[in-house]
Structures are given as structure tokens and as C-alpha cells.
């Protein structure tokens, strides 16, 4: 039975040979976080409960939901490739991603701010947009 650590090694080697994407970060996430948690557990015996425990442990350690989601994405991709490469009969666990706070503040240039204000003229529904009417 293929152990988790050995599966990670084969997975990373195969991705290297086939031109996989984001290899440095996948390598880091798998080796620094996932391998220590899953150890040599057989890949086919990783359960949804194991993944949920992993997620909780990482949250308790202060990891951001986005970081955990990237780690889970690497795990999910390894499961998918494991099925494709015939290491697994099926994905052994369901992986639920965490909700991320991806709200970002975007600042408009003076020109874009003026253009947005011009578009709002005569449109009462757009009057509440948080745009500055006076440029400093």
C-alpha cells in the first residue's frame, strides 16, 4: 500500500517530469504541513475526517484560511492525479475548502474617479457609491 510520504515523493517527481505548475509552493505545502500530519498513513486510507482534523489543527495553529485552502488544493490535486495514475481507485476523502475573506480595497486614480462620478450623474441609485467628489 502506497504511504502518504511516498505518494508525495512520486507526485512531485511526476509533476517535475511533466512540467507541473507551482511546484515550489506545492513542494513546500506538502512537505512542511501535509506530510508531518499524515505521516506514512496509506494514501487510500486518508479519510474526510482526517482532512477535517488537519484543517482544524492548522486553524488552531493560526494559519490563514487562504493558506489552508492552498494546502488542501495540493492534497486534492494529488488525489486526482493518484486516480489518473492508477495509484488510487477513487479519491479517498472529500475536501471542503474554507471561506476566505478576499475583499480588497481598490483605489481609483483621479481620472478614473472623475469618470466614475460622471457615469453616476443623474442616476440616483448610484449616488451612494463611495466615491470622492473632491480630489485633494
N, C-alpha and C. Protein backbone atom coordinates (compact mmCIF):
# COMPACT_ATOMS: atom_id res chain seq x y z
N UNK A 1 0.84 -1.18 0.00
CA UNK A 1 0.00 0.00 0.00
C UNK A 1 0.89 1.25 0.00
N UNK A 2 0.56 2.19 -0.84
CA UNK A 2 1.36 3.40 -1.01
C UNK A 2 1.14 4.35 0.17
N UNK A 3 2.21 4.64 0.90
CA UNK A 3 2.13 5.54 2.04
C UNK A 3 2.07 6.99 1.59
N UNK A 4 1.58 7.85 2.47
CA UNK A 4 1.41 9.27 2.13
C UNK A 4 2.73 9.90 1.70
N UNK A 5 3.77 9.72 2.50
CA UNK A 5 5.07 10.32 2.19
C UNK A 5 5.62 9.87 0.85
N UNK A 6 5.51 8.58 0.57
CA UNK A 6 5.98 8.05 -0.72
C UNK A 6 5.13 8.59 -1.86
N UNK A 7 3.82 8.72 -1.64
CA UNK A 7 2.93 9.27 -2.67
C UNK A 7 3.33 10.71 -2.99
N UNK A 8 3.66 11.49 -1.95
CA UNK A 8 4.09 12.88 -2.17
C UNK A 8 5.35 12.90 -3.02
N UNK A 9 6.32 12.04 -2.70
CA UNK A 9 7.55 11.99 -3.48
C UNK A 9 7.28 11.66 -4.94
N UNK A 10 6.48 10.61 -5.18
CA UNK A 10 6.13 10.22 -6.56
C UNK A 10 5.35 11.31 -7.28
N UNK A 11 4.42 11.93 -6.56
CA UNK A 11 3.60 13.01 -7.12
C UNK A 11 4.48 14.17 -7.58
N UNK A 12 5.38 14.62 -6.71
CA UNK A 12 6.24 15.75 -7.05
C UNK A 12 7.21 15.38 -8.17
N UNK A 13 7.75 14.17 -8.15
CA UNK A 13 8.64 13.72 -9.23
C UNK A 13 7.90 13.69 -10.57
N UNK A 14 6.68 13.19 -10.55
CA UNK A 14 5.89 13.10 -11.78
C UNK A 14 5.54 14.49 -12.31
N UNK A 15 5.19 15.40 -11.41
CA UNK A 15 4.87 16.76 -11.85
C UNK A 15 6.12 17.44 -12.42
N UNK A 16 7.27 17.17 -11.82
CA UNK A 16 8.51 17.75 -12.33
C UNK A 16 8.77 17.27 -13.76
N UNK A 17 8.56 15.99 -13.99
CA UNK A 17 8.79 15.41 -15.32
C UNK A 17 7.81 15.93 -16.37
N UNK A 18 6.58 16.22 -15.95
CA UNK A 18 5.54 16.61 -16.91
C UNK A 18 5.31 18.12 -16.96
N UNK A 19 6.15 18.89 -16.27
CA UNK A 19 6.01 20.35 -16.33
C UNK A 19 4.87 20.87 -15.48
N UNK A 20 4.66 20.29 -14.31
CA UNK A 20 3.61 20.74 -13.41
C UNK A 20 3.78 22.20 -13.00
N UNK A 21 2.69 22.81 -12.59
CA UNK A 21 2.69 24.23 -12.24
C UNK A 21 2.88 24.42 -10.73
N UNK A 22 3.47 25.54 -10.38
CA UNK A 22 3.60 25.98 -8.98
C UNK A 22 4.28 24.91 -8.12
N UNK A 23 5.30 24.27 -8.68
CA UNK A 23 5.94 23.15 -7.99
C UNK A 23 6.62 23.54 -6.68
N UNK A 24 7.27 24.69 -6.65
CA UNK A 24 7.96 25.07 -5.41
C UNK A 24 6.97 25.22 -4.26
N UNK A 25 5.84 25.84 -4.51
CA UNK A 25 4.85 26.03 -3.45
C UNK A 25 4.16 24.72 -3.09
N UNK A 26 3.87 23.88 -4.08
CA UNK A 26 3.28 22.57 -3.78
C UNK A 26 4.25 21.75 -2.93
N UNK A 27 5.51 21.77 -3.30
CA UNK A 27 6.54 21.04 -2.54
C UNK A 27 6.57 21.55 -1.10
N UNK A 28 6.58 22.85 -0.93
CA UNK A 28 6.60 23.44 0.41
C UNK A 28 5.37 23.04 1.22
N UNK A 29 4.19 23.20 0.63
CA UNK A 29 2.95 22.89 1.35
C UNK A 29 2.87 21.42 1.74
N UNK A 30 3.25 20.56 0.82
CA UNK A 30 3.17 19.13 1.09
C UNK A 30 4.19 18.70 2.14
N UNK A 31 5.41 19.15 2.00
CA UNK A 31 6.47 18.71 2.91
C UNK A 31 6.42 19.37 4.28
N UNK A 32 6.05 20.66 4.31
CA UNK A 32 6.07 21.38 5.59
C UNK A 32 4.81 21.16 6.42
N UNK A 33 3.68 20.91 5.77
CA UNK A 33 2.43 20.85 6.51
C UNK A 33 1.71 19.51 6.40
N UNK A 34 1.52 19.03 5.18
CA UNK A 34 0.71 17.82 5.00
C UNK A 34 1.45 16.54 5.39
N UNK A 35 2.71 16.40 4.97
CA UNK A 35 3.46 15.18 5.31
C UNK A 35 3.62 14.98 6.82
N UNK A 36 3.98 16.03 7.57
CA UNK A 36 4.09 15.82 9.01
C UNK A 36 2.77 15.37 9.66
N UNK A 37 1.66 15.84 9.13
CA UNK A 37 0.37 15.47 9.71
C UNK A 37 -0.03 14.04 9.33
N UNK A 38 0.06 13.71 8.05
CA UNK A 38 -0.41 12.41 7.58
C UNK A 38 0.63 11.29 7.71
N UNK A 39 1.90 11.66 7.88
CA UNK A 39 2.94 10.67 8.09
C UNK A 39 2.98 9.62 6.98
N UNK A 40 3.04 8.36 7.39
CA UNK A 40 3.09 7.26 6.42
C UNK A 40 1.75 6.54 6.29
N UNK A 41 0.68 7.22 6.70
CA UNK A 41 -0.65 6.63 6.54
C UNK A 41 -0.84 6.27 5.07
N UNK A 42 -1.39 5.11 4.77
CA UNK A 42 -1.65 4.77 3.37
C UNK A 42 -2.54 5.83 2.71
N UNK A 43 -2.15 6.25 1.53
CA UNK A 43 -2.88 7.29 0.82
C UNK A 43 -4.36 6.91 0.65
N UNK A 44 -4.62 5.66 0.39
CA UNK A 44 -6.00 5.20 0.16
C UNK A 44 -6.84 5.20 1.45
N UNK A 45 -6.18 5.37 2.59
CA UNK A 45 -6.90 5.34 3.87
C UNK A 45 -7.06 6.73 4.50
N UNK A 46 -6.69 7.76 3.77
CA UNK A 46 -6.93 9.12 4.25
C UNK A 46 -8.43 9.37 4.14
N UNK A 47 -9.05 9.76 5.25
CA UNK A 47 -10.49 9.94 5.28
C UNK A 47 -10.87 11.42 5.32
N UNK A 48 -12.14 11.67 5.07
CA UNK A 48 -12.66 13.03 5.19
C UNK A 48 -12.45 13.55 6.60
N UNK A 49 -12.63 12.69 7.59
CA UNK A 49 -12.41 13.08 8.99
C UNK A 49 -10.94 13.48 9.21
N UNK A 50 -10.00 12.76 8.60
CA UNK A 50 -8.58 13.11 8.71
C UNK A 50 -8.34 14.51 8.15
N UNK A 51 -8.93 14.80 7.01
CA UNK A 51 -8.76 16.11 6.37
C UNK A 51 -9.38 17.20 7.25
N UNK A 52 -10.52 16.93 7.85
CA UNK A 52 -11.15 17.91 8.74
C UNK A 52 -10.29 18.15 9.98
N UNK A 53 -9.67 17.09 10.51
CA UNK A 53 -8.77 17.25 11.66
C UNK A 53 -7.54 18.08 11.27
N UNK A 54 -7.03 17.83 10.06
CA UNK A 54 -5.90 18.61 9.56
C UNK A 54 -6.28 20.09 9.49
N UNK A 55 -7.43 20.36 8.92
CA UNK A 55 -7.89 21.75 8.78
C UNK A 55 -8.00 22.42 10.14
N UNK A 56 -8.58 21.73 11.11
CA UNK A 56 -8.73 22.29 12.45
C UNK A 56 -7.37 22.54 13.10
N UNK A 57 -6.46 21.60 12.94
CA UNK A 57 -5.13 21.76 13.52
C UNK A 57 -4.43 22.99 12.95
N UNK A 58 -4.55 23.18 11.66
CA UNK A 58 -3.90 24.34 11.01
C UNK A 58 -4.57 25.64 11.44
N UNK A 59 -5.90 25.64 11.56
CA UNK A 59 -6.59 26.84 12.05
C UNK A 59 -6.17 27.15 13.48
N UNK A 60 -6.11 26.13 14.32
CA UNK A 60 -5.70 26.31 15.71
C UNK A 60 -4.27 26.83 15.81
N UNK A 61 -3.43 26.50 14.83
CA UNK A 61 -2.05 26.96 14.81
C UNK A 61 -1.93 28.39 14.28
N UNK A 62 -3.07 28.96 13.86
CA UNK A 62 -3.07 30.35 13.39
C UNK A 62 -2.90 30.53 11.89
N UNK A 63 -2.95 29.46 11.14
CA UNK A 63 -2.83 29.58 9.68
C UNK A 63 -4.07 30.26 9.11
N UNK A 64 -3.87 31.06 8.10
CA UNK A 64 -4.98 31.77 7.44
C UNK A 64 -5.80 30.79 6.60
N UNK A 65 -7.11 31.02 6.50
CA UNK A 65 -7.94 30.15 5.66
C UNK A 65 -7.42 30.01 4.23
N UNK A 66 -6.90 31.09 3.66
CA UNK A 66 -6.37 31.02 2.30
C UNK A 66 -5.17 30.10 2.20
N UNK A 67 -4.30 30.13 3.20
CA UNK A 67 -3.14 29.24 3.21
C UNK A 67 -3.58 27.78 3.31
N UNK A 68 -4.53 27.53 4.19
CA UNK A 68 -5.05 26.17 4.36
C UNK A 68 -5.70 25.70 3.08
N UNK A 69 -6.46 26.57 2.43
CA UNK A 69 -7.10 26.20 1.16
C UNK A 69 -6.08 25.83 0.10
N UNK A 70 -4.94 26.53 0.04
CA UNK A 70 -3.90 26.18 -0.94
C UNK A 70 -3.31 24.80 -0.61
N UNK A 71 -3.15 24.52 0.68
CA UNK A 71 -2.65 23.21 1.10
C UNK A 71 -3.65 22.12 0.72
N UNK A 72 -4.93 22.38 0.97
CA UNK A 72 -5.97 21.41 0.61
C UNK A 72 -6.07 21.23 -0.90
N UNK A 73 -5.81 22.30 -1.65
CA UNK A 73 -5.83 22.20 -3.11
C UNK A 73 -4.71 21.27 -3.59
N UNK A 74 -3.54 21.37 -2.96
CA UNK A 74 -2.44 20.47 -3.32
C UNK A 74 -2.80 19.02 -3.00
N UNK A 75 -3.42 18.81 -1.84
CA UNK A 75 -3.86 17.46 -1.46
C UNK A 75 -4.90 16.92 -2.45
N UNK A 76 -5.86 17.75 -2.79
CA UNK A 76 -6.90 17.35 -3.73
C UNK A 76 -6.31 17.00 -5.10
N UNK A 77 -5.35 17.82 -5.54
CA UNK A 77 -4.72 17.56 -6.83
C UNK A 77 -3.94 16.25 -6.79
N UNK A 78 -3.28 15.98 -5.66
CA UNK A 78 -2.56 14.71 -5.52
C UNK A 78 -3.55 13.54 -5.59
N UNK A 79 -4.71 13.67 -4.95
CA UNK A 79 -5.74 12.62 -5.04
C UNK A 79 -6.19 12.43 -6.49
N UNK A 80 -6.45 13.54 -7.18
CA UNK A 80 -6.91 13.46 -8.57
C UNK A 80 -5.87 12.76 -9.45
N UNK A 81 -4.62 13.18 -9.30
CA UNK A 81 -3.55 12.56 -10.09
C UNK A 81 -3.34 11.10 -9.67
N UNK A 82 -3.53 10.82 -8.38
CA UNK A 82 -3.42 9.44 -7.91
C UNK A 82 -4.42 8.52 -8.59
N UNK A 83 -5.62 9.01 -8.82
CA UNK A 83 -6.63 8.23 -9.54
C UNK A 83 -6.22 8.12 -11.01
N UNK A 84 -5.82 9.24 -11.59
CA UNK A 84 -5.42 9.25 -13.00
C UNK A 84 -4.23 8.33 -13.26
N UNK A 85 -3.28 8.31 -12.33
CA UNK A 85 -2.07 7.49 -12.50
C UNK A 85 -2.23 6.08 -11.92
N UNK A 86 -3.44 5.73 -11.53
CA UNK A 86 -3.79 4.38 -11.05
C UNK A 86 -3.16 4.01 -9.70
N UNK A 87 -2.83 5.00 -8.88
CA UNK A 87 -2.39 4.72 -7.52
C UNK A 87 -3.58 4.49 -6.62
N UNK A 88 -4.71 5.10 -6.99
CA UNK A 88 -5.94 5.02 -6.21
C UNK A 88 -7.09 4.59 -7.12
N UNK A 89 -8.07 3.90 -6.55
CA UNK A 89 -9.28 3.55 -7.30
C UNK A 89 -10.23 4.74 -7.37
N UNK A 90 -10.20 5.55 -6.32
CA UNK A 90 -11.07 6.73 -6.23
C UNK A 90 -10.45 7.69 -5.22
N UNK A 91 -10.95 8.92 -5.21
CA UNK A 91 -10.47 9.88 -4.22
C UNK A 91 -10.91 9.39 -2.84
N UNK A 92 -9.99 9.25 -1.91
CA UNK A 92 -10.34 8.65 -0.63
C UNK A 92 -11.08 9.58 0.33
N UNK A 93 -11.05 10.89 0.09
CA UNK A 93 -11.67 11.83 1.03
C UNK A 93 -12.29 13.00 0.29
N UNK A 94 -13.36 13.51 0.86
CA UNK A 94 -13.96 14.75 0.35
C UNK A 94 -13.23 15.91 1.02
N UNK A 95 -12.94 16.92 0.25
CA UNK A 95 -12.21 18.07 0.78
C UNK A 95 -13.09 19.30 0.67
N UNK A 96 -13.36 19.90 1.83
CA UNK A 96 -14.18 21.11 1.88
C UNK A 96 -13.26 22.29 2.15
N UNK A 97 -13.30 23.26 1.29
CA UNK A 97 -12.46 24.44 1.44
C UNK A 97 -13.09 25.41 2.42
N UNK A 98 -12.26 26.21 3.02
CA UNK A 98 -12.71 27.23 3.97
C UNK A 98 -13.13 28.49 3.22
N UNK A 99 -13.98 29.26 3.84
CA UNK A 99 -14.37 30.55 3.26
C UNK A 99 -13.25 31.53 3.51
N UNK A 100 -12.91 32.28 2.48
CA UNK A 100 -11.84 33.27 2.59
C UNK A 100 -12.41 34.67 2.52
N UNK A 101 -11.75 35.58 3.21
CA UNK A 101 -12.11 36.99 3.15
C UNK A 101 -11.23 37.63 2.09
N UNK A 102 -11.73 37.68 0.87
CA UNK A 102 -10.94 38.19 -0.24
C UNK A 102 -11.29 39.62 -0.63
N UNK A 103 -11.94 40.32 0.28
CA UNK A 103 -12.29 41.69 -0.05
C UNK A 103 -11.02 42.54 -0.09
N UNK A 104 -10.89 43.29 -1.15
CA UNK A 104 -9.73 44.16 -1.29
C UNK A 104 -10.21 45.58 -1.54
N UNK A 105 -9.48 46.51 -1.01
CA UNK A 105 -9.79 47.92 -1.26
C UNK A 105 -9.07 48.32 -2.53
N UNK A 106 -9.81 48.91 -3.44
CA UNK A 106 -9.24 49.38 -4.69
C UNK A 106 -9.32 50.89 -4.73
N UNK A 107 -8.22 51.52 -5.00
CA UNK A 107 -8.17 52.98 -5.07
C UNK A 107 -8.17 53.39 -6.53
N UNK A 108 -9.01 54.35 -6.85
CA UNK A 108 -9.09 54.85 -8.22
C UNK A 108 -8.11 56.00 -8.41
N UNK A 109 -7.63 56.10 -9.63
CA UNK A 109 -6.83 57.27 -9.97
C UNK A 109 -7.77 58.46 -10.06
N UNK A 110 -7.20 59.65 -10.10
CA UNK A 110 -8.03 60.86 -10.23
C UNK A 110 -8.90 60.77 -11.48
N UNK A 111 -8.30 60.37 -12.59
CA UNK A 111 -9.04 60.27 -13.86
C UNK A 111 -10.18 59.24 -13.75
N UNK A 112 -9.90 58.07 -13.17
CA UNK A 112 -10.94 57.03 -13.04
C UNK A 112 -12.04 57.48 -12.09
N UNK A 113 -11.67 58.20 -11.03
CA UNK A 113 -12.65 58.71 -10.08
C UNK A 113 -13.59 59.70 -10.78
N UNK A 114 -13.02 60.59 -11.57
CA UNK A 114 -13.84 61.58 -12.30
C UNK A 114 -14.76 60.88 -13.31
N UNK A 115 -14.24 59.87 -13.98
CA UNK A 115 -15.06 59.14 -14.96
C UNK A 115 -16.21 58.42 -14.26
N UNK A 116 -15.93 57.82 -13.10
CA UNK A 116 -16.98 57.12 -12.36
C UNK A 116 -18.05 58.10 -11.88
N UNK A 117 -17.62 59.25 -11.40
CA UNK A 117 -18.59 60.26 -10.95
C UNK A 117 -19.45 60.74 -12.12
N UNK A 118 -18.84 60.93 -13.28
CA UNK A 118 -19.58 61.37 -14.46
C UNK A 118 -20.65 60.34 -14.85
N UNK A 119 -20.31 59.06 -14.73
CA UNK A 119 -21.26 57.99 -15.04
C UNK A 119 -22.44 57.99 -14.07
N UNK A 120 -22.21 58.45 -12.85
CA UNK A 120 -23.26 58.44 -11.83
C UNK A 120 -24.22 59.62 -11.93
N UNK A 121 -23.84 60.65 -12.67
CA UNK A 121 -24.68 61.85 -12.77
C UNK A 121 -26.06 61.48 -13.29
N UNK A 122 -27.09 61.93 -12.57
CA UNK A 122 -28.46 61.69 -12.99
C UNK A 122 -28.95 60.28 -12.71
N UNK A 123 -28.21 59.52 -11.97
CA UNK A 123 -28.61 58.15 -11.63
C UNK A 123 -28.67 58.02 -10.12
N UNK A 124 -29.83 58.24 -9.53
CA UNK A 124 -29.95 58.24 -8.06
C UNK A 124 -29.54 56.92 -7.41
N UNK A 125 -29.71 55.80 -8.10
CA UNK A 125 -29.35 54.51 -7.49
C UNK A 125 -27.84 54.38 -7.30
N UNK A 126 -27.07 55.10 -8.08
CA UNK A 126 -25.62 55.02 -7.98
C UNK A 126 -25.04 56.10 -7.06
N UNK A 127 -25.88 56.97 -6.56
CA UNK A 127 -25.41 58.10 -5.76
C UNK A 127 -24.72 57.66 -4.48
N UNK A 128 -25.01 56.48 -3.98
CA UNK A 128 -24.43 56.03 -2.72
C UNK A 128 -23.07 55.38 -2.87
N UNK A 129 -22.50 55.36 -4.08
CA UNK A 129 -21.19 54.76 -4.25
C UNK A 129 -20.14 55.54 -3.47
N UNK A 130 -19.20 54.86 -2.87
CA UNK A 130 -18.18 55.54 -2.07
C UNK A 130 -17.10 56.18 -2.95
N UNK A 131 -17.46 57.24 -3.65
CA UNK A 131 -16.51 57.96 -4.49
C UNK A 131 -16.29 59.35 -3.89
N UNK A 132 -15.09 59.86 -4.05
CA UNK A 132 -14.79 61.19 -3.52
C UNK A 132 -15.14 62.23 -4.59
N UNK A 133 -15.89 63.22 -4.17
CA UNK A 133 -16.28 64.28 -5.12
C UNK A 133 -15.21 65.35 -5.21
N UNK A 134 -14.32 65.39 -4.29
CA UNK A 134 -13.26 66.40 -4.32
C UNK A 134 -11.92 65.71 -4.20
N UNK A 135 -11.07 66.01 -5.14
CA UNK A 135 -9.73 65.45 -5.11
C UNK A 135 -8.83 66.39 -4.32
N UNK A 136 -8.03 65.87 -3.41
CA UNK A 136 -7.20 66.77 -2.58
C UNK A 136 -6.17 67.55 -3.39
